């Protein structure tokens, strides 16, 4: 195995671990009542959810937004997005501090 392939595999592994860690931390924070901190911790999901439209089924005074299949797709897409982004950052750091 070449150094490049080892570095890429390490970066993907780091991306998976960081994604799993931030998703778990976000879930725990949200279940403990710290919703806004949980949204910041797993920010790829927050960004994709903000980009998907949610219909208001309530009144203008008391809005109620329901999830749609697009929200589910955005949630599922946030995991590969996070792995790619965190993996890219890990690859840059591994390349910068190569041994």
PDB file of N, CA and C in Angstrom:
ATOM      1  N   UNK A   1       0.831  -1.174   0.000  1.00  0.00           N
ATOM      2  CA  UNK A   1       0.000   0.000   0.000  1.00  0.00           C
ATOM      3  C   UNK A   1       0.881   1.244   0.000  1.00  0.00           C
ATOM      4  N   UNK A   2       0.510   2.171  -0.816  1.00  0.00           N
ATOM      5  CA  UNK A   2       1.301   3.393  -0.877  1.00  0.00           C
ATOM      6  C   UNK A   2       0.913   4.330   0.260  1.00  0.00           C
ATOM      7  N   UNK A   3       1.741   5.321   0.457  1.00  0.00           N
ATOM      8  CA  UNK A   3       1.466   6.293   1.521  1.00  0.00           C
ATOM      9  C   UNK A   3       0.196   7.084   1.248  1.00  0.00           C
ATOM     10  N   UNK A   4      -0.067   7.337  -0.020  1.00  0.00           N
ATOM     11  CA  UNK A   4      -1.269   8.085  -0.380  1.00  0.00           C
ATOM     12  C   UNK A   4      -2.527   7.305  -0.013  1.00  0.00           C
ATOM     13  N   UNK A   5      -2.555   6.020  -0.319  1.00  0.00           N
ATOM     14  CA  UNK A   5      -3.743   5.235  -0.010  1.00  0.00           C
ATOM     15  C   UNK A   5      -3.931   5.062   1.501  1.00  0.00           C
ATOM     16  N   UNK A   6      -2.832   4.938   2.227  1.00  0.00           N
ATOM     17  CA  UNK A   6      -2.920   4.853   3.689  1.00  0.00           C
ATOM     18  C   UNK A   6      -3.460   6.160   4.248  1.00  0.00           C
ATOM     19  N   UNK A   7      -2.972   7.272   3.717  1.00  0.00           N
ATOM     20  CA  UNK A   7      -3.429   8.588   4.179  1.00  0.00           C
ATOM     21  C   UNK A   7      -4.915   8.789   3.870  1.00  0.00           C
ATOM     22  N   UNK A   8      -5.351   8.346   2.693  1.00  0.00           N
ATOM     23  CA  UNK A   8      -6.762   8.484   2.328  1.00  0.00           C
ATOM     24  C   UNK A   8      -7.632   7.607   3.229  1.00  0.00           C
ATOM     25  N   UNK A   9      -7.224   6.383   3.471  1.00  0.00           N
ATOM     26  CA  UNK A   9      -7.982   5.494   4.348  1.00  0.00           C
ATOM     27  C   UNK A   9      -8.049   6.030   5.775  1.00  0.00           C
ATOM     28  N   UNK A  10      -6.946   6.582   6.264  1.00  0.00           N
ATOM     29  CA  UNK A  10      -6.955   7.189   7.596  1.00  0.00           C
ATOM     30  C   UNK A  10      -7.896   8.381   7.642  1.00  0.00           C
ATOM     31  N   UNK A  11      -7.895   9.190   6.594  1.00  0.00           N
ATOM     32  CA  UNK A  11      -8.770  10.360   6.552  1.00  0.00           C
ATOM     33  C   UNK A  11     -10.237   9.949   6.529  1.00  0.00           C
ATOM     34  N   UNK A  12     -10.567   8.916   5.761  1.00  0.00           N
ATOM     35  CA  UNK A  12     -11.952   8.430   5.720  1.00  0.00           C
ATOM     36  C   UNK A  12     -12.352   7.870   7.087  1.00  0.00           C
ATOM     37  N   UNK A  13     -11.462   7.123   7.714  1.00  0.00           N
ATOM     38  CA  UNK A  13     -11.738   6.589   9.048  1.00  0.00           C
ATOM     39  C   UNK A  13     -11.953   7.688  10.073  1.00  0.00           C
ATOM     40  N   UNK A  14     -11.119   8.714  10.022  1.00  0.00           N
ATOM     41  CA  UNK A  14     -11.282   9.854  10.927  1.00  0.00           C
ATOM     42  C   UNK A  14     -12.602  10.561  10.642  1.00  0.00           C
ATOM     43  N   UNK A  15     -12.938  10.708   9.367  1.00  0.00           N
ATOM     44  CA  UNK A  15     -14.206  11.343   9.013  1.00  0.00           C
ATOM     45  C   UNK A  15     -15.399  10.572   9.546  1.00  0.00           C
ATOM     46  N   UNK A  16     -15.349   9.244   9.464  1.00  0.00           N
ATOM     47  CA  UNK A  16     -16.439   8.417   9.984  1.00  0.00           C
ATOM     48  C   UNK A  16     -16.532   8.536  11.498  1.00  0.00           C
ATOM     49  N   UNK A  17     -15.393   8.490  12.175  1.00  0.00           N
ATOM     50  CA  UNK A  17     -15.405   8.589  13.635  1.00  0.00           C
ATOM     51  C   UNK A  17     -15.895   9.952  14.118  1.00  0.00           C
ATOM     52  N   UNK A  18     -15.437  11.014  13.482  1.00  0.00           N
ATOM     53  CA  UNK A  18     -15.868  12.352  13.893  1.00  0.00           C
ATOM     54  C   UNK A  18     -17.360  12.541  13.614  1.00  0.00           C
ATOM     55  N   UNK A  19     -17.830  12.037  12.490  1.00  0.00           N
ATOM     56  CA  UNK A  19     -19.252  12.135  12.170  1.00  0.00           C
ATOM     57  C   UNK A  19     -20.087  11.370  13.186  1.00  0.00           C
ATOM     58  N   UNK A  20     -19.695  10.152  13.507  1.00  0.00           N
ATOM     59  CA  UNK A  20     -20.439   9.364  14.493  1.00  0.00           C
ATOM     60  C   UNK A  20     -20.404  10.036  15.862  1.00  0.00           C
ATOM     61  N   UNK A  21     -19.250  10.579  16.227  1.00  0.00           N
ATOM     62  CA  UNK A  21     -19.135  11.249  17.517  1.00  0.00           C
ATOM     63  C   UNK A  21     -19.977  12.508  17.615  1.00  0.00           C
ATOM     64  N   UNK A  22     -19.955  13.310  16.573  1.00  0.00           N
ATOM     65  CA  UNK A  22     -20.749  14.544  16.623  1.00  0.00           C
ATOM     66  C   UNK A  22     -22.240  14.244  16.540  1.00  0.00           C
ATOM     67  N   UNK A  23     -22.633  13.220  15.790  1.00  0.00           N
ATOM     68  CA  UNK A  23     -24.054  12.853  15.726  1.00  0.00           C
ATOM     69  C   UNK A  23     -24.535  12.328  17.073  1.00  0.00           C
ATOM     70  N   UNK A  24     -23.728  11.503  17.728  1.00  0.00           N
ATOM     71  CA  UNK A  24     -24.100  10.982  19.044  1.00  0.00           C
ATOM     72  C   UNK A  24     -24.143  12.104  20.080  1.00  0.00           C
ATOM     73  N   UNK A  25     -23.169  12.995  20.036  1.00  0.00           N
ATOM     74  CA  UNK A  25     -23.156  14.112  20.973  1.00  0.00           C
ATOM     75  C   UNK A  25     -24.360  15.024  20.748  1.00  0.00           C
ATOM     76  N   UNK A  26     -24.705  15.245  19.496  1.00  0.00           N
ATOM     77  CA  UNK A  26     -25.868  16.065  19.181  1.00  0.00           C
ATOM     78  C   UNK A  26     -27.148  15.422  19.695  1.00  0.00           C
ATOM     79  N   UNK A  27     -27.278  14.110  19.524  1.00  0.00           N
ATOM     80  CA  UNK A  27     -28.460  13.406  20.024  1.00  0.00           C
ATOM     81  C   UNK A  27     -28.547  13.495  21.541  1.00  0.00           C
ATOM     82  N   UNK A  28     -27.432  13.285  22.216  1.00  0.00           N
ATOM     83  CA  UNK A  28     -27.434  13.356  23.684  1.00  0.00           C
ATOM     84  C   UNK A  28     -27.747  14.764  24.180  1.00  0.00           C
ATOM     85  N   UNK A  29     -27.179  15.762  23.539  1.00  0.00           N
ATOM     86  CA  UNK A  29     -27.458  17.141  23.934  1.00  0.00           C
ATOM     87  C   UNK A  29     -28.918  17.498  23.704  1.00  0.00           C
ATOM     88  N   UNK A  30     -29.470  17.061  22.594  1.00  0.00           N
ATOM     89  CA  UNK A  30     -30.872  17.360  22.302  1.00  0.00           C
ATOM     90  C   UNK A  30     -31.808  16.648  23.269  1.00  0.00           C
ATOM     91  N   UNK A  31     -31.453  15.435  23.656  1.00  0.00           N
ATOM     92  CA  UNK A  31     -32.312  14.701  24.590  1.00  0.00           C
ATOM     93  C   UNK A  31     -32.223  15.265  26.005  1.00  0.00           C
ATOM     94  N   UNK A  32     -31.164  16.005  26.299  1.00  0.00           N
ATOM     95  CA  UNK A  32     -31.019  16.621  27.616  1.00  0.00           C
ATOM     96  C   UNK A  32     -31.568  18.051  27.657  1.00  0.00           C
ATOM     97  N   UNK A  33     -32.108  18.522  26.533  1.00  0.00           N
ATOM     98  CA  UNK A  33     -32.721  19.843  26.521  1.00  0.00           C
ATOM     99  C   UNK A  33     -31.873  20.935  25.900  1.00  0.00           C
ATOM    100  N   UNK A  34     -30.666  20.643  25.499  1.00  0.00           N
ATOM    101  CA  UNK A  34     -29.787  21.640  24.881  1.00  0.00           C
ATOM    102  C   UNK A  34     -29.899  21.526  23.364  1.00  0.00           C
ATOM    103  N   UNK A  35     -31.080  21.848  22.830  1.00  0.00           N
ATOM    104  CA  UNK A  35     -31.334  21.666  21.400  1.00  0.00           C
ATOM    105  C   UNK A  35     -30.432  22.535  20.533  1.00  0.00           C
ATOM    106  N   UNK A  36     -30.256  23.786  20.908  1.00  0.00           N
ATOM    107  CA  UNK A  36     -29.470  24.685  20.058  1.00  0.00           C
ATOM    108  C   UNK A  36     -27.994  24.276  20.034  1.00  0.00           C
ATOM    109  N   UNK A  37     -27.469  23.796  21.137  1.00  0.00           N
ATOM    110  CA  UNK A  37     -26.078  23.330  21.146  1.00  0.00           C
ATOM    111  C   UNK A  37     -25.962  22.050  20.314  1.00  0.00           C
ATOM    112  N   UNK A  38     -26.964  21.186  20.412  1.00  0.00           N
ATOM    113  CA  UNK A  38     -26.969  19.963  19.612  1.00  0.00           C
ATOM    114  C   UNK A  38     -27.015  20.248  18.125  1.00  0.00           C
ATOM    115  N   UNK A  39     -27.746  21.305  17.738  1.00  0.00           N
ATOM    116  CA  UNK A  39     -27.802  21.679  16.321  1.00  0.00           C
ATOM    117  C   UNK A  39     -26.459  22.193  15.829  1.00  0.00           C
ATOM    118  N   UNK A  40     -25.735  22.878  16.703  1.00  0.00           N
ATOM    119  CA  UNK A  40     -24.422  23.398  16.307  1.00  0.00           C
ATOM    120  C   UNK A  40     -23.399  22.270  16.209  1.00  0.00           C
ATOM    121  N   UNK A  41     -23.496  21.295  17.107  1.00  0.00           N
ATOM    122  CA  UNK A  41     -22.519  20.204  17.118  1.00  0.00           C
ATOM    123  C   UNK A  41     -22.600  19.382  15.832  1.00  0.00           C
ATOM    124  N   UNK A  42     -23.819  19.048  15.404  1.00  0.00           N
ATOM    125  CA  UNK A  42     -23.973  18.308  14.149  1.00  0.00           C
ATOM    126  C   UNK A  42     -24.510  19.269  13.098  1.00  0.00           C
ATOM    127  N   UNK A  43     -23.689  20.209  12.730  1.00  0.00           N
ATOM    128  CA  UNK A  43     -24.092  21.312  11.861  1.00  0.00           C
ATOM    129  C   UNK A  43     -24.432  20.903  10.434  1.00  0.00           C
ATOM    130  N   UNK A  44     -23.882  19.829   9.848  1.00  0.00           N
ATOM    131  CA  UNK A  44     -24.301  19.487   8.485  1.00  0.00           C
ATOM    132  C   UNK A  44     -25.805  19.199   8.382  1.00  0.00           C
ATOM    133  N   UNK A  45     -26.358  18.550   9.398  1.00  0.00           N
ATOM    134  CA  UNK A  45     -27.789  18.292   9.391  1.00  0.00           C
ATOM    135  C   UNK A  45     -28.571  19.589   9.526  1.00  0.00           C
ATOM    136  N   UNK A  46     -28.102  20.491  10.361  1.00  0.00           N
ATOM    137  CA  UNK A  46     -28.782  21.773  10.542  1.00  0.00           C
ATOM    138  C   UNK A  46     -28.809  22.564   9.246  1.00  0.00           C
ATOM    139  N   UNK A  47     -27.712  22.556   8.526  1.00  0.00           N
ATOM    140  CA  UNK A  47     -27.641  23.297   7.260  1.00  0.00           C
ATOM    141  C   UNK A  47     -28.596  22.687   6.234  1.00  0.00           C
ATOM    142  N   UNK A  48     -28.573  21.371   6.097  1.00  0.00           N
ATOM    143  CA  UNK A  48     -29.451  20.734   5.111  1.00  0.00           C
ATOM    144  C   UNK A  48     -30.922  20.854   5.494  1.00  0.00           C
ATOM    145  N   UNK A  49     -31.233  20.796   6.781  1.00  0.00           N
ATOM    146  CA  UNK A  49     -32.622  20.966   7.206  1.00  0.00           C
ATOM    147  C   UNK A  49     -33.101  22.392   6.965  1.00  0.00           C
ATOM    148  N   UNK A  50     -32.209  23.347   7.101  1.00  0.00           N
ATOM    149  CA  UNK A  50     -32.591  24.742   6.845  1.00  0.00           C
ATOM    150  C   UNK A  50     -32.847  24.984   5.362  1.00  0.00           C
ATOM    151  N   UNK A  51     -32.244  24.189   4.511  1.00  0.00           N
ATOM    152  CA  UNK A  51     -32.424  24.357   3.072  1.00  0.00           C
ATOM    153  C   UNK A  51     -33.671  23.658   2.534  1.00  0.00           C
ATOM    154  N   UNK A  52     -34.258  22.758   3.318  1.00  0.00           N
ATOM    155  CA  UNK A  52     -35.462  22.056   2.861  1.00  0.00           C
ATOM    156  C   UNK A  52     -36.701  22.801   3.351  1.00  0.00           C
ATOM    157  N   UNK A  53     -37.703  22.940   2.499  1.00  0.00           N
ATOM    158  CA  UNK A  53     -38.912  23.654   2.911  1.00  0.00           C
ATOM    159  C   UNK A  53     -39.768  22.803   3.845  1.00  0.00           C
ATOM    160  N   UNK A  54     -40.414  23.469   4.787  1.00  0.00           N
ATOM    161  CA  UNK A  54     -41.330  22.791   5.700  1.00  0.00           C
ATOM    162  C   UNK A  54     -42.665  23.527   5.661  1.00  0.00           C
ATOM    163  N   UNK A  55     -43.744  22.837   5.336  1.00  0.00           N
ATOM    164  CA  UNK A  55     -45.039  23.509   5.248  1.00  0.00           C
ATOM    165  C   UNK A  55     -45.604  23.820   6.635  1.00  0.00           C
ATOM    166  N   UNK A  56     -46.216  24.977   6.746  1.00  0.00           N
ATOM    167  CA  UNK A  56     -46.856  25.395   7.991  1.00  0.00           C
ATOM    168  C   UNK A  56     -48.272  24.837   8.009  1.00  0.00           C
ATOM    169  N   UNK A  57     -48.544  23.912   8.926  1.00  0.00           N
ATOM    170  CA  UNK A  57     -49.884  23.340   9.044  1.00  0.00           C
ATOM    171  C   UNK A  57     -50.684  24.001  10.155  1.00  0.00           C
ATOM    172  N   UNK A  58     -50.079  24.936  10.850  1.00  0.00           N
ATOM    173  CA  UNK A  58     -50.772  25.649  11.914  1.00  0.00           C
ATOM    174  C   UNK A  58     -51.301  26.977  11.420  1.00  0.00           C
ATOM    175  N   UNK A  59     -51.567  27.845  12.364  1.00  0.00           N
ATOM    176  CA  UNK A  59     -52.050  29.186  12.041  1.00  0.00           C
ATOM    177  C   UNK A  59     -50.868  30.134  11.972  1.00  0.00           C
ATOM    178  N   UNK A  60     -51.068  31.325  11.418  1.00  0.00           N
ATOM    179  CA  UNK A  60     -49.961  32.286  11.409  1.00  0.00           C
ATOM    180  C   UNK A  60     -49.509  32.691  12.815  1.00  0.00           C
ATOM    181  N   UNK A  61     -50.452  32.699  13.763  1.00  0.00           N
ATOM    182  CA  UNK A  61     -50.082  33.052  15.135  1.00  0.00           C
ATOM    183  C   UNK A  61     -49.365  31.919  15.860  1.00  0.00           C
ATOM    184  N   UNK A  62     -49.748  30.689  15.553  1.00  0.00           N
ATOM    185  CA  UNK A  62     -49.163  29.508  16.190  1.00  0.00           C
ATOM    186  C   UNK A  62     -48.714  28.535  15.097  1.00  0.00           C
ATOM    187  N   UNK A  63     -47.546  28.775  14.505  1.00  0.00           N
ATOM    188  CA  UNK A  63     -47.106  27.909  13.405  1.00  0.00           C
ATOM    189  C   UNK A  63     -46.741  26.511  13.893  1.00  0.00           C
ATOM    190  N   UNK A  64     -47.012  25.551  13.064  1.00  0.00           N
ATOM    191  CA  UNK A  64     -46.660  24.159  13.315  1.00  0.00           C
ATOM    192  C   UNK A  64     -46.076  23.604  12.027  1.00  0.00           C
ATOM    193  N   UNK A  65     -44.808  23.268  12.077  1.00  0.00           N
ATOM    194  CA  UNK A  65     -44.122  22.780  10.888  1.00  0.00           C
ATOM    195  C   UNK A  65     -43.943  21.272  10.992  1.00  0.00           C
ATOM    196  N   UNK A  66     -44.408  20.566   9.976  1.00  0.00           N
ATOM    197  CA  UNK A  66     -44.276  19.114   9.942  1.00  0.00           C
ATOM    198  C   UNK A  66     -43.109  18.711   9.047  1.00  0.00           C
ATOM    199  N   UNK A  67     -42.546  17.572   9.368  1.00  0.00           N
ATOM    200  CA  UNK A  67     -41.493  17.036   8.528  1.00  0.00           C
ATOM    201  C   UNK A  67     -42.075  16.409   7.273  1.00  0.00           C
ATOM    202  N   UNK A  68     -41.301  16.417   6.230  1.00  0.00           N
ATOM    203  CA  UNK A  68     -41.706  15.823   4.959  1.00  0.00           C
ATOM    204  C   UNK A  68     -40.656  14.791   4.558  1.00  0.00           C
ATOM    205  N   UNK A  69     -40.902  14.028   3.518  1.00  0.00           N
ATOM    206  CA  UNK A  69     -39.863  13.106   3.039  1.00  0.00           C
ATOM    207  C   UNK A  69     -38.564  13.829   2.663  1.00  0.00           C
ATOM    208  N   UNK A  70     -38.671  15.096   2.279  1.00  0.00           N
ATOM    209  CA  UNK A  70     -37.444  15.854   1.984  1.00  0.00           C
ATOM    210  C   UNK A  70     -36.599  16.044   3.236  1.00  0.00           C
ATOM    211  N   UNK A  71     -37.245  16.221   4.383  1.00  0.00           N
ATOM    212  CA  UNK A  71     -36.494  16.342   5.625  1.00  0.00           C
ATOM    213  C   UNK A  71     -35.770  15.042   5.970  1.00  0.00           C
ATOM    214  N   UNK A  72     -36.417  13.920   5.697  1.00  0.00           N
ATOM    215  CA  UNK A  72     -35.768  12.631   5.923  1.00  0.00           C
ATOM    216  C   UNK A  72     -34.564  12.460   4.998  1.00  0.00           C
ATOM    217  N   UNK A  73     -34.724  12.832   3.739  1.00  0.00           N
ATOM    218  CA  UNK A  73     -33.602  12.752   2.805  1.00  0.00           C
ATOM    219  C   UNK A  73     -32.463  13.683   3.214  1.00  0.00           C
ATOM    220  N   UNK A  74     -32.811  14.876   3.695  1.00  0.00           N
ATOM    221  CA  UNK A  74     -31.775  15.806   4.160  1.00  0.00           C
ATOM    222  C   UNK A  74     -31.044  15.232   5.369  1.00  0.00           C
ATOM    223  N   UNK A  75     -31.781  14.582   6.267  1.00  0.00           N
ATOM    224  CA  UNK A  75     -31.150  13.956   7.428  1.00  0.00           C
ATOM    225  C   UNK A  75     -30.192  12.850   6.992  1.00  0.00           C
ATOM    226  N   UNK A  76     -30.648  12.000   6.088  1.00  0.00           N
ATOM    227  CA  UNK A  76     -29.792  10.904   5.622  1.00  0.00           C
ATOM    228  C   UNK A  76     -28.589  11.409   4.831  1.00  0.00           C
ATOM    229  N   UNK A  77     -28.770  12.499   4.086  1.00  0.00           N
ATOM    230  CA  UNK A  77     -27.662  13.056   3.297  1.00  0.00           C
ATOM    231  C   UNK A  77     -26.645  13.775   4.170  1.00  0.00           C
ATOM    232  N   UNK A  78     -27.037  14.166   5.384  1.00  0.00           N
ATOM    233  CA  UNK A  78     -26.104  14.896   6.239  1.00  0.00           C
ATOM    234  C   UNK A  78     -24.951  14.012   6.709  1.00  0.00           C
ATOM    235  N   UNK A  79     -25.161  12.701   6.797  1.00  0.00           N
ATOM    236  CA  UNK A  79     -24.081  11.818   7.244  1.00  0.00           C
ATOM    237  C   UNK A  79     -22.972  11.678   6.205  1.00  0.00           C
ATOM    238  N   UNK A  80     -23.280  11.358   4.938  1.00  0.00           N
ATOM    239  CA  UNK A  80     -22.182  11.313   3.956  1.00  0.00           C
ATOM    240  C   UNK A  80     -21.524  12.677   3.757  1.00  0.00           C
ATOM    241  N   UNK A  81     -22.323  13.737   3.836  1.00  0.00           N
ATOM    242  CA  UNK A  81     -21.745  15.079   3.716  1.00  0.00           C
ATOM    243  C   UNK A  81     -20.736  15.335   4.823  1.00  0.00           C
ATOM    244  N   UNK A  82     -21.095  14.976   6.044  1.00  0.00           N
ATOM    245  CA  UNK A  82     -20.183  15.177   7.169  1.00  0.00           C
ATOM    246  C   UNK A  82     -18.935  14.310   7.032  1.00  0.00           C
ATOM    247  N   UNK A  83     -19.084  13.068   6.589  1.00  0.00           N
ATOM    248  CA  UNK A  83     -17.912  12.196   6.420  1.00  0.00           C
ATOM    249  C   UNK A  83     -16.978  12.776   5.367  1.00  0.00           C
ATOM    250  N   UNK A  84     -17.537  13.271   4.277  1.00  0.00           N
ATOM    251  CA  UNK A  84     -16.706  13.865   3.226  1.00  0.00           C
ATOM    252  C   UNK A  84     -15.988  15.109   3.725  1.00  0.00           C
ATOM    253  N   UNK A  85     -16.724  15.986   4.404  1.00  0.00           N
ATOM    254  CA  UNK A  85     -16.102  17.229   4.879  1.00  0.00           C
ATOM    255  C   UNK A  85     -15.054  16.975   5.953  1.00  0.00           C
ATOM    256  N   UNK A  86     -15.402  16.153   6.955  1.00  0.00           N
ATOM    257  CA  UNK A  86     -14.431  15.873   8.014  1.00  0.00           C
ATOM    258  C   UNK A  86     -13.259  15.050   7.487  1.00  0.00           C
ATOM    259  N   UNK A  87     -13.522  14.156   6.546  1.00  0.00           N
ATOM    260  CA  UNK A  87     -12.440  13.387   5.933  1.00  0.00           C
ATOM    261  C   UNK A  87     -11.491  14.264   5.139  1.00  0.00           C
ATOM    262  N   UNK A  88     -12.052  15.248   4.432  1.00  0.00           N
ATOM    263  CA  UNK A  88     -11.202  16.174   3.685  1.00  0.00           C
ATOM    264  C   UNK A  88     -10.317  16.998   4.623  1.00  0.00           C
ATOM    265  N   UNK A  89     -10.910  17.478   5.708  1.00  0.00           N
ATOM    266  CA  UNK A  89     -10.114  18.238   6.690  1.00  0.00           C
ATOM    267  C   UNK A  89      -9.027  17.347   7.297  1.00  0.00           C
ATOM    268  N   UNK A  90      -9.374  16.101   7.615  1.00  0.00           N
ATOM    269  CA  UNK A  90      -8.379  15.174   8.162  1.00  0.00           C
ATOM    270  C   UNK A  90      -7.277  14.894   7.154  1.00  0.00           C
ATOM    271  N   UNK A  91      -7.644  14.747   5.874  1.00  0.00           N
ATOM    272  CA  UNK A  91      -6.632  14.501   4.845  1.00  0.00           C
ATOM    273  C   UNK A  91      -5.671  15.687   4.722  1.00  0.00           C
ATOM    274  N   UNK A  92      -6.221  16.897   4.776  1.00  0.00           N
ATOM    275  CA  UNK A  92      -5.366  18.088   4.701  1.00  0.00           C
ATOM    276  C   UNK A  92      -4.393  18.101   5.870  1.00  0.00           C
ATOM    277  N   UNK A  93      -4.887  17.808   7.073  1.00  0.00           N
ATOM    278  CA  UNK A  93      -4.000  17.793   8.232  1.00  0.00           C
ATOM    279  C   UNK A  93      -2.982  16.658   8.148  1.00  0.00           C
ATOM    280  N   UNK A  94      -3.393  15.491   7.688  1.00  0.00           N
ATOM    281  CA  UNK A  94      -2.454  14.376   7.562  1.00  0.00           C
ATOM    282  C   UNK A  94      -1.388  14.665   6.523  1.00  0.00           C
ATOM    283  N   UNK A  95      -1.783  15.343   5.464  1.00  0.00           N
ATOM    284  CA  UNK A  95      -0.826  15.685   4.419  1.00  0.00           C
ATOM    285  C   UNK A  95       0.127  16.785   4.903  1.00  0.00           C
ATOM    286  N   UNK A  96      -0.434  17.733   5.645  1.00  0.00           N
ATOM    287  CA  UNK A  96       0.379  18.845   6.146  1.00  0.00           C
ATOM    288  C   UNK A  96       1.423  18.363   7.146  1.00  0.00           C
ATOM    289  N   UNK A  97       1.026  17.439   8.004  1.00  0.00           N
ATOM    290  CA  UNK A  97       1.932  16.947   9.046  1.00  0.00           C
ATOM    291  C   UNK A  97       2.374  15.523   8.747  1.00  0.00           C
ATOM    292  N   UNK A  98       2.784  15.289   7.501  1.00  0.00           N
ATOM    293  CA  UNK A  98       3.210  13.943   7.121  1.00  0.00           C
ATOM    294  C   UNK A  98       4.513  13.589   7.811  1.00  0.00           C
ATOM    295  N   UNK A  99       4.640  12.286   8.062  1.00  0.00           N
ATOM    296  CA  UNK A  99       5.827  11.820   8.787  1.00  0.00           C
ATOM    297  C   UNK A  99       6.819  11.195   7.853  1.00  0.00           C
TER     298      UNK A  99
END
